[in-house]
Amino acid sequence: KLQCTFNFPEPDETTAAINHAQARGSATATAAELEDIHKLRKKYNELVNFTVQLTSERDRLRTSYKETTKELQAMRQRENISGDDGKYQGSGGSTMATVSGGFPLWQVMLVAVFSFLLARIIGSDLL
């Protein structure tokens, strides 16, 4: 067992006088002080309401995020797209460089080469 002792400093006369004045002053608060307290309470209540609104919005967004990820997983399963590399899994198990709704890589390359050659031919005729 550990033995602990707490040594609190003895309040001096100045500290005792300040505490007594504060206690006496709070009992006879002026109208301005009461108005300040009222304003602070109003601000505190507004802050609490704002915090509650933010918390509810956070919870709503979390729920929406979870639902959206579930829908995305369901779509991936329906489309038979793997989530790791984003490549389409064909019926034969071969992987082609395409994503649902996109163009295969060979088509993109073919169009690029065709466009380059066409531009060279048109460019040489103009000069």
Foldseek 3Di string as FASTA:
>chain_A
DDDDDDDDDDDDPVVVVVVVVVVVCVVVDDPVVVVVVVVVVVVVVVVVVVVVVVVVVVVVVVVVVVVVVVVVVVVCVVQVADPPPQFRQDPVRDTFPAHVPGDTPVVVVVVVVVVVVVCVVVVVVVD
